[in-house]
Each structure stands twice: as C-alpha cells, then as structure tokens.
PDB file of N, CA and C in Angstrom:
ATOM      1  N   MET A   1     -25.618  11.749 -16.310  1.00  0.00           N
ATOM      2  CA  MET A   1     -24.188  11.665 -16.032  1.00  0.00           C
ATOM      3  C   MET A   1     -23.507  12.843 -16.720  1.00  0.00           C
ATOM      4  N   LYS A   2     -22.647  13.510 -16.043  1.00  0.00           N
ATOM      5  CA  LYS A   2     -21.929  14.642 -16.611  1.00  0.00           C
ATOM      6  C   LYS A   2     -20.976  14.157 -17.701  1.00  0.00           C
ATOM      7  N   SER A   3     -20.563  15.104 -18.539  1.00  0.00           N
ATOM      8  CA  SER A   3     -19.657  14.727 -19.629  1.00  0.00           C
ATOM      9  C   SER A   3     -18.342  14.152 -19.101  1.00  0.00           C
ATOM     10  N   SER A   4     -17.864  14.646 -17.962  1.00  0.00           N
ATOM     11  CA  SER A   4     -16.623  14.084 -17.409  1.00  0.00           C
ATOM     12  C   SER A   4     -16.833  12.638 -16.961  1.00  0.00           C
ATOM     13  N   GLY A   5     -18.049  12.315 -16.510  1.00  0.00           N
ATOM     14  CA  GLY A   5     -18.369  10.936 -16.144  1.00  0.00           C
ATOM     15  C   GLY A   5     -18.357  10.023 -17.351  1.00  0.00           C
ATOM     16  N   TRP A   6     -18.927  10.517 -18.448  1.00  0.00           N
ATOM     17  CA  TRP A   6     -18.923   9.729 -19.684  1.00  0.00           C
ATOM     18  C   TRP A   6     -17.501   9.519 -20.187  1.00  0.00           C
ATOM     19  N   LEU A   7     -16.701  10.563 -20.089  1.00  0.00           N
ATOM     20  CA  LEU A   7     -15.309  10.455 -20.526  1.00  0.00           C
ATOM     21  C   LEU A   7     -14.560   9.428 -19.683  1.00  0.00           C
ATOM     22  N   SER A   8     -14.763   9.458 -18.388  1.00  0.00           N
ATOM     23  CA  SER A   8     -14.122   8.479 -17.501  1.00  0.00           C
ATOM     24  C   SER A   8     -14.553   7.063 -17.842  1.00  0.00           C
ATOM     25  N   LEU A   9     -15.844   6.882 -18.062  1.00  0.00           N
ATOM     26  CA  LEU A   9     -16.361   5.565 -18.434  1.00  0.00           C
ATOM     27  C   LEU A   9     -15.745   5.097 -19.747  1.00  0.00           C
ATOM     28  N   PHE A  10     -15.664   5.988 -20.725  1.00  0.00           N
ATOM     29  CA  PHE A  10     -15.071   5.653 -22.016  1.00  0.00           C
ATOM     30  C   PHE A  10     -13.614   5.224 -21.855  1.00  0.00           C
ATOM     31  N   LEU A  11     -12.853   5.966 -21.062  1.00  0.00           N
ATOM     32  CA  LEU A  11     -11.441   5.630 -20.867  1.00  0.00           C
ATOM     33  C   LEU A  11     -11.268   4.276 -20.194  1.00  0.00           C
ATOM     34  N   VAL A  12     -12.078   4.001 -19.192  1.00  0.00           N
ATOM     35  CA  VAL A  12     -11.995   2.703 -18.506  1.00  0.00           C
ATOM     36  C   VAL A  12     -12.336   1.577 -19.465  1.00  0.00           C
ATOM     37  N   LEU A  13     -13.410   1.737 -20.225  1.00  0.00           N
ATOM     38  CA  LEU A  13     -13.802   0.695 -21.182  1.00  0.00           C
ATOM     39  C   LEU A  13     -12.753   0.519 -22.272  1.00  0.00           C
ATOM     40  N   SER A  14     -12.147   1.608 -22.707  1.00  0.00           N
ATOM     41  CA  SER A  14     -11.084   1.519 -23.714  1.00  0.00           C
ATOM     42  C   SER A  14      -9.888   0.747 -23.182  1.00  0.00           C
ATOM     43  N   LEU A  15      -9.519   1.021 -21.947  1.00  0.00           N
ATOM     44  CA  LEU A  15      -8.405   0.287 -21.340  1.00  0.00           C
ATOM     45  C   LEU A  15      -8.711  -1.192 -21.226  1.00  0.00           C
ATOM     46  N   LEU A  16      -9.917  -1.513 -20.796  1.00  0.00           N
ATOM     47  CA  LEU A  16     -10.286  -2.919 -20.652  1.00  0.00           C
ATOM     48  C   LEU A  16     -10.344  -3.624 -21.998  1.00  0.00           C
ATOM     49  N   ALA A  17     -10.896  -2.964 -23.002  1.00  0.00           N
ATOM     50  CA  ALA A  17     -10.974  -3.575 -24.333  1.00  0.00           C
ATOM     51  C   ALA A  17      -9.579  -3.799 -24.897  1.00  0.00           C
ATOM     52  N   GLY A  18      -8.711  -2.827 -24.747  1.00  0.00           N
ATOM     53  CA  GLY A  18      -7.356  -2.954 -25.244  1.00  0.00           C
ATOM     54  C   GLY A  18      -6.543  -3.979 -24.490  1.00  0.00           C
ATOM     55  N   ALA A  19      -6.867  -4.202 -23.247  1.00  0.00           N
ATOM     56  CA  ALA A  19      -6.106  -5.137 -22.425  1.00  0.00           C
ATOM     57  C   ALA A  19      -6.224  -6.560 -22.922  1.00  0.00           C
ATOM     58  N   TRP A  20      -7.335  -6.896 -23.532  1.00  0.00           N
ATOM     59  CA  TRP A  20      -7.511  -8.247 -24.052  1.00  0.00           C
ATOM     60  C   TRP A  20      -6.965  -8.375 -25.467  1.00  0.00           C
ATOM     61  N   ALA A  21      -6.493  -7.286 -26.032  1.00  0.00           N
ATOM     62  CA  ALA A  21      -6.012  -7.291 -27.405  1.00  0.00           C
ATOM     63  C   ALA A  21      -4.487  -7.220 -27.430  1.00  0.00           C
ATOM     64  N   TYR A  22      -3.828  -8.122 -26.715  1.00  0.00           N
ATOM     65  CA  TYR A  22      -2.362  -8.146 -26.664  1.00  0.00           C
ATOM     66  C   TYR A  22      -1.819  -8.292 -28.073  1.00  0.00           C
ATOM     67  N   ASN A  23      -0.933  -7.411 -28.455  1.00  0.00           N
ATOM     68  CA  ASN A  23      -0.389  -7.383 -29.803  1.00  0.00           C
ATOM     69  C   ASN A  23       1.026  -7.968 -29.781  1.00  0.00           C
ATOM     70  N   ALA A  24       1.121  -9.283 -29.918  1.00  0.00           N
ATOM     71  CA  ALA A  24       2.409  -9.975 -29.817  1.00  0.00           C
ATOM     72  C   ALA A  24       3.402  -9.489 -30.869  1.00  0.00           C
ATOM     73  N   LYS A  25       2.920  -9.165 -32.075  1.00  0.00           N
ATOM     74  CA  LYS A  25       3.821  -8.715 -33.137  1.00  0.00           C
ATOM     75  C   LYS A  25       4.573  -7.454 -32.715  1.00  0.00           C
ATOM     76  N   LYS A  26       3.891  -6.553 -32.029  1.00  0.00           N
ATOM     77  CA  LYS A  26       4.523  -5.307 -31.592  1.00  0.00           C
ATOM     78  C   LYS A  26       5.255  -5.463 -30.261  1.00  0.00           C
ATOM     79  N   CYS A  27       4.628  -6.119 -29.314  1.00  0.00           N
ATOM     80  CA  CYS A  27       5.138  -6.132 -27.941  1.00  0.00           C
ATOM     81  C   CYS A  27       6.250  -7.143 -27.714  1.00  0.00           C
ATOM     82  N   ASP A  28       6.278  -8.211 -28.485  1.00  0.00           N
ATOM     83  CA  ASP A  28       7.303  -9.241 -28.316  1.00  0.00           C
ATOM     84  C   ASP A  28       8.521  -9.005 -29.199  1.00  0.00           C
ATOM     85  N   ASP A  29       8.475  -7.984 -30.051  1.00  0.00           N
ATOM     86  CA  ASP A  29       9.605  -7.669 -30.919  1.00  0.00           C
ATOM     87  C   ASP A  29      10.726  -7.026 -30.091  1.00  0.00           C
ATOM     88  N   THR A  30      11.919  -7.036 -30.638  1.00  0.00           N
ATOM     89  CA  THR A  30      13.052  -6.375 -29.991  1.00  0.00           C
ATOM     90  C   THR A  30      12.715  -4.904 -29.789  1.00  0.00           C
ATOM     91  N   PRO A  31      12.925  -4.370 -28.593  1.00  0.00           N
ATOM     92  CA  PRO A  31      12.603  -2.957 -28.361  1.00  0.00           C
ATOM     93  C   PRO A  31      13.416  -2.024 -29.258  1.00  0.00           C
ATOM     94  N   THR A  32      12.770  -0.993 -29.748  1.00  0.00           N
ATOM     95  CA  THR A  32      13.449   0.021 -30.546  1.00  0.00           C
ATOM     96  C   THR A  32      14.476   0.745 -29.684  1.00  0.00           C
ATOM     97  N   GLU A  33      15.631   1.003 -30.265  1.00  0.00           N
ATOM     98  CA  GLU A  33      16.683   1.769 -29.584  1.00  0.00           C
ATOM     99  C   GLU A  33      16.705   3.193 -30.149  1.00  0.00           C
ATOM    100  N   THR A  34      17.548   4.033 -29.620  1.00  0.00           N
ATOM    101  CA  THR A  34      17.653   5.419 -30.086  1.00  0.00           C
ATOM    102  C   THR A  34      17.997   5.464 -31.566  1.00  0.00           C
ATOM    103  N   GLY A  35      18.924   4.631 -32.017  1.00  0.00           N
ATOM    104  CA  GLY A  35      19.301   4.564 -33.423  1.00  0.00           C
ATOM    105  C   GLY A  35      20.342   5.606 -33.801  1.00  0.00           C
ATOM    106  N   PRO A  36      20.834   5.541 -35.068  1.00  0.00           N
ATOM    107  CA  PRO A  36      21.925   6.410 -35.497  1.00  0.00           C
ATOM    108  C   PRO A  36      21.496   7.821 -35.912  1.00  0.00           C
ATOM    109  N   CYS A  37      20.219   8.047 -36.129  1.00  0.00           N
ATOM    110  CA  CYS A  37      19.777   9.371 -36.575  1.00  0.00           C
ATOM    111  C   CYS A  37      19.801  10.371 -35.419  1.00  0.00           C
ATOM    112  N   LYS A  38      19.771  11.635 -35.744  1.00  0.00           N
ATOM    113  CA  LYS A  38      20.027  12.700 -34.765  1.00  0.00           C
ATOM    114  C   LYS A  38      18.775  13.347 -34.177  1.00  0.00           C
ATOM    115  N   GLY A  39      17.593  12.837 -34.485  1.00  0.00           N
ATOM    116  CA  GLY A  39      16.377  13.410 -33.910  1.00  0.00           C
ATOM    117  C   GLY A  39      16.296  13.149 -32.415  1.00  0.00           C
ATOM    118  N   GLU A  40      15.418  13.862 -31.764  1.00  0.00           N
ATOM    119  CA  GLU A  40      15.212  13.668 -30.324  1.00  0.00           C
ATOM    120  C   GLU A  40      13.716  13.646 -30.051  1.00  0.00           C
ATOM    121  N   PHE A  41      13.095  12.486 -30.251  1.00  0.00           N
ATOM    122  CA  PHE A  41      11.657  12.328 -30.080  1.00  0.00           C
ATOM    123  C   PHE A  41      11.392  11.400 -28.898  1.00  0.00           C
ATOM    124  N   GLU A  42      10.527  11.824 -27.989  1.00  0.00           N
ATOM    125  CA  GLU A  42      10.164  10.932 -26.890  1.00  0.00           C
ATOM    126  C   GLU A  42       9.144   9.924 -27.411  1.00  0.00           C
ATOM    127  N   MET A  43       9.493   8.661 -27.371  1.00  0.00           N
ATOM    128  CA  MET A  43       8.627   7.571 -27.804  1.00  0.00           C
ATOM    129  C   MET A  43       8.565   6.534 -26.689  1.00  0.00           C
ATOM    130  N   TRP A  44       7.824   5.473 -26.938  1.00  0.00           N
ATOM    131  CA  TRP A  44       7.616   4.432 -25.925  1.00  0.00           C
ATOM    132  C   TRP A  44       7.879   3.059 -26.509  1.00  0.00           C
ATOM    133  N   ARG A  45       8.328   2.138 -25.664  1.00  0.00           N
ATOM    134  CA  ARG A  45       8.546   0.740 -26.036  1.00  0.00           C
ATOM    135  C   ARG A  45       8.141  -0.128 -24.852  1.00  0.00           C
ATOM    136  N   PHE A  46       7.920  -1.429 -25.135  1.00  0.00           N
ATOM    137  CA  PHE A  46       7.523  -2.357 -24.090  1.00  0.00           C
ATOM    138  C   PHE A  46       8.725  -3.181 -23.663  1.00  0.00           C
ATOM    139  N   ASP A  47       9.012  -3.191 -22.375  1.00  0.00           N
ATOM    140  CA  ASP A  47      10.095  -3.987 -21.802  1.00  0.00           C
ATOM    141  C   ASP A  47       9.503  -5.335 -21.384  1.00  0.00           C
ATOM    142  N   ARG A  48       9.813  -6.387 -22.146  1.00  0.00           N
ATOM    143  CA  ARG A  48       9.242  -7.716 -21.876  1.00  0.00           C
ATOM    144  C   ARG A  48       9.722  -8.302 -20.555  1.00  0.00           C
ATOM    145  N   VAL A  49      10.944  -8.004 -20.145  1.00  0.00           N
ATOM    146  CA  VAL A  49      11.491  -8.552 -18.902  1.00  0.00           C
ATOM    147  C   VAL A  49      10.755  -7.978 -17.691  1.00  0.00           C
ATOM    148  N   ASN A  50      10.617  -6.662 -17.652  1.00  0.00           N
ATOM    149  CA  ASN A  50       9.958  -6.002 -16.524  1.00  0.00           C
ATOM    150  C   ASN A  50       8.450  -5.870 -16.704  1.00  0.00           C
ATOM    151  N   ARG A  51       7.937  -6.253 -17.882  1.00  0.00           N
ATOM    152  CA  ARG A  51       6.501  -6.205 -18.183  1.00  0.00           C
ATOM    153  C   ARG A  51       5.931  -4.805 -17.971  1.00  0.00           C
ATOM    154  N   GLN A  52       6.630  -3.802 -18.542  1.00  0.00           N
ATOM    155  CA  GLN A  52       6.131  -2.436 -18.414  1.00  0.00           C
ATOM    156  C   GLN A  52       6.512  -1.610 -19.636  1.00  0.00           C
ATOM    157  N   CYS A  53       5.771  -0.547 -19.851  1.00  0.00           N
ATOM    158  CA  CYS A  53       6.076   0.390 -20.922  1.00  0.00           C
ATOM    159  C   CYS A  53       7.063   1.419 -20.393  1.00  0.00           C
ATOM    160  N   GLU A  54       8.004   1.814 -21.270  1.00  0.00           N
ATOM    161  CA  GLU A  54       8.997   2.797 -20.853  1.00  0.00           C
ATOM    162  C   GLU A  54       9.230   3.799 -21.972  1.00  0.00           C
ATOM    163  N   SER A  55       9.494   5.030 -21.594  1.00  0.00           N
ATOM    164  CA  SER A  55       9.794   6.054 -22.593  1.00  0.00           C
ATOM    165  C   SER A  55      11.288   6.024 -22.906  1.00  0.00           C
ATOM    166  N   PHE A  56      11.621   6.512 -24.093  1.00  0.00           N
ATOM    167  CA  PHE A  56      13.024   6.612 -24.495  1.00  0.00           C
ATOM    168  C   PHE A  56      13.130   7.697 -25.560  1.00  0.00           C
ATOM    169  N   ILE A  57      14.339   8.156 -25.821  1.00  0.00           N
ATOM    170  CA  ILE A  57      14.572   9.157 -26.859  1.00  0.00           C
ATOM    171  C   ILE A  57      14.901   8.422 -28.156  1.00  0.00           C
ATOM    172  N   PHE A  58      14.104   8.688 -29.186  1.00  0.00           N
ATOM    173  CA  PHE A  58      14.248   8.042 -30.489  1.00  0.00           C
ATOM    174  C   PHE A  58      14.869   9.035 -31.464  1.00  0.00           C
ATOM    175  N   GLY A  59      15.865   8.565 -32.203  1.00  0.00           N
ATOM    176  CA  GLY A  59      16.566   9.416 -33.152  1.00  0.00           C
ATOM    177  C   GLY A  59      15.827   9.662 -34.452  1.00  0.00           C
ATOM    178  N   GLY A  60      14.864   8.812 -34.797  1.00  0.00           N
ATOM    179  CA  GLY A  60      14.072   9.039 -36.002  1.00  0.00           C
ATOM    180  C   GLY A  60      14.202   7.981 -37.080  1.00  0.00           C
ATOM    181  N   CYS A  61      15.052   6.971 -36.897  1.00  0.00           N
ATOM    182  CA  CYS A  61      15.159   5.921 -37.908  1.00  0.00           C
ATOM    183  C   CYS A  61      15.482   4.574 -37.263  1.00  0.00           C
ATOM    184  N   GLN A  62      15.245   3.525 -38.020  1.00  0.00           N
ATOM    185  CA  GLN A  62      15.509   2.138 -37.633  1.00  0.00           C
ATOM    186  C   GLN A  62      14.649   1.668 -36.462  1.00  0.00           C
ATOM    187  N   ALA A  63      13.368   1.959 -36.527  1.00  0.00           N
ATOM    188  CA  ALA A  63      12.437   1.495 -35.492  1.00  0.00           C
ATOM    189  C   ALA A  63      12.057   0.040 -35.745  1.00  0.00           C
ATOM    190  N   THR A  64      11.830  -0.706 -34.675  1.00  0.00           N
ATOM    191  CA  THR A  64      11.282  -2.055 -34.777  1.00  0.00           C
ATOM    192  C   THR A  64       9.765  -1.950 -34.608  1.00  0.00           C
ATOM    193  N   ASN A  65       9.080  -3.072 -34.544  1.00  0.00           N
ATOM    194  CA  ASN A  65       7.636  -3.052 -34.303  1.00  0.00           C
ATOM    195  C   ASN A  65       7.307  -2.636 -32.873  1.00  0.00           C
ATOM    196  N   ASN A  66       8.257  -2.790 -31.957  1.00  0.00           N
ATOM    197  CA  ASN A  66       8.063  -2.440 -30.547  1.00  0.00           C
ATOM    198  C   ASN A  66       8.346  -0.946 -30.387  1.00  0.00           C
ATOM    199  N   PHE A  67       7.378  -0.132 -30.818  1.00  0.00           N
ATOM    200  CA  PHE A  67       7.566   1.315 -30.942  1.00  0.00           C
ATOM    201  C   PHE A  67       6.197   1.971 -30.864  1.00  0.00           C
ATOM    202  N   PHE A  68       6.013   2.874 -29.911  1.00  0.00           N
ATOM    203  CA  PHE A  68       4.705   3.500 -29.699  1.00  0.00           C
ATOM    204  C   PHE A  68       4.868   5.001 -29.529  1.00  0.00           C
ATOM    205  N   GLU A  69       3.899   5.756 -30.035  1.00  0.00           N
ATOM    206  CA  GLU A  69       3.943   7.215 -29.948  1.00  0.00           C
ATOM    207  C   GLU A  69       3.547   7.741 -28.576  1.00  0.00           C
ATOM    208  N   SER A  70       2.900   6.921 -27.760  1.00  0.00           N
ATOM    209  CA  SER A  70       2.508   7.375 -26.419  1.00  0.00           C
ATOM    210  C   SER A  70       2.525   6.198 -25.452  1.00  0.00           C
ATOM    211  N   GLY A  71       2.604   6.526 -24.185  1.00  0.00           N
ATOM    212  CA  GLY A  71       2.529   5.497 -23.160  1.00  0.00           C
ATOM    213  C   GLY A  71       1.197   4.777 -23.195  1.00  0.00           C
ATOM    214  N   MET A  72       0.116   5.506 -23.488  1.00  0.00           N
ATOM    215  CA  MET A  72      -1.214   4.903 -23.548  1.00  0.00           C
ATOM    216  C   MET A  72      -1.293   3.872 -24.669  1.00  0.00           C
ATOM    217  N   HIS A  73      -0.711   4.172 -25.837  1.00  0.00           N
ATOM    218  CA  HIS A  73      -0.709   3.194 -26.931  1.00  0.00           C
ATOM    219  C   HIS A  73       0.059   1.941 -26.529  1.00  0.00           C
ATOM    220  N   CYS A  74       1.159   2.118 -25.841  1.00  0.00           N
ATOM    221  CA  CYS A  74       1.942   0.975 -25.372  1.00  0.00           C
ATOM    222  C   CYS A  74       1.126   0.130 -24.401  1.00  0.00           C
ATOM    223  N   VAL A  75       0.506   0.773 -23.427  1.00  0.00           N
ATOM    224  CA  VAL A  75      -0.312   0.056 -22.439  1.00  0.00           C
ATOM    225  C   VAL A  75      -1.447  -0.695 -23.116  1.00  0.00           C
ATOM    226  N   LEU A  76      -2.146  -0.036 -24.028  1.00  0.00           N
ATOM    227  CA  LEU A  76      -3.295  -0.667 -24.680  1.00  0.00           C
ATOM    228  C   LEU A  76      -2.895  -1.857 -25.541  1.00  0.00           C
ATOM    229  N   ASN A  77      -1.690  -1.838 -26.086  1.00  0.00           N
ATOM    230  CA  ASN A  77      -1.234  -2.939 -26.933  1.00  0.00           C
ATOM    231  C   ASN A  77      -0.530  -4.054 -26.172  1.00  0.00           C
ATOM    232  N   CYS A  78       0.106  -3.727 -25.054  1.00  0.00           N
ATOM    233  CA  CYS A  78       1.036  -4.684 -24.462  1.00  0.00           C
ATOM    234  C   CYS A  78       0.699  -5.212 -23.075  1.00  0.00           C
ATOM    235  N   LEU A  79      -0.117  -4.530 -22.315  1.00  0.00           N
ATOM    236  CA  LEU A  79      -0.420  -5.031 -20.979  1.00  0.00           C
ATOM    237  C   LEU A  79      -1.693  -5.855 -21.016  1.00  0.00           C
ATOM    238  N   LYS A  80      -1.587  -7.092 -20.603  1.00  0.00           N
ATOM    239  CA  LYS A  80      -2.745  -7.988 -20.583  1.00  0.00           C
ATOM    240  C   LYS A  80      -3.664  -7.602 -19.436  1.00  0.00           C
ATOM    241  N   HIS A  81      -4.900  -8.050 -19.497  1.00  0.00           N
ATOM    242  CA  HIS A  81      -5.906  -7.624 -18.517  1.00  0.00           C
ATOM    243  C   HIS A  81      -5.508  -7.918 -17.078  1.00  0.00           C
ATOM    244  N   HIS A  82      -4.786  -8.986 -16.817  1.00  0.00           N
ATOM    245  CA  HIS A  82      -4.428  -9.307 -15.437  1.00  0.00           C
ATOM    246  C   HIS A  82      -3.268  -8.470 -14.909  1.00  0.00           C
ATOM    247  N   GLU A  83      -2.659  -7.670 -15.758  1.00  0.00           N
ATOM    248  CA  GLU A  83      -1.530  -6.852 -15.332  1.00  0.00           C
ATOM    249  C   GLU A  83      -1.949  -5.450 -14.917  1.00  0.00           C
ATOM    250  N   PHE A  84      -3.225  -5.110 -15.036  1.00  0.00           N
ATOM    251  CA  PHE A  84      -3.698  -3.777 -14.639  1.00  0.00           C
ATOM    252  C   PHE A  84      -3.792  -3.690 -13.153  1.00  0.00           C
TER     253      PHE A  84
END
C-alpha cells in the first residue's frame, strides 16, 4: 500500500475512533463567543442545536470549554458515530 493509502486509512480510523469518544464536557458547554479582547483568531465551536462545528473569530480571552483550535478537533470531539 502506498504511503498515501496508509495516510487515508489512518485518517479514517482516527475519525471513527474519535466519533465514539463524545466529549460532553467540551461539546455541551456554552459555545465560546468572540469576547472582549481584540485578537482575531479563527477558532471552532460546536453548535448543539444544529449539531455541527462552526468557525468563529475569537478575541483571545474568556473561552468556555466549547472551544477548538481546528474543525477536525471539533468533529473528533463532538460528532457521534451516527452523525458522520
């Protein structure tokens, strides 16, 4: 199997493993808002109503547990296996 095949297999298995590891502490918390600080960082949060990860601009302070550095981290923590 070529290295790209192994990489694809690894990514699929990682997604499946993460899908069963729903992180209620992070995903069920109030979504982080931009906040009062002046930074402009693209971050991710989980929208419990729409059951999806969404990007937003984070100011740099007052984050809740519902806060992810990438869309992939959000998906791996918050989307259950039946939602893929």
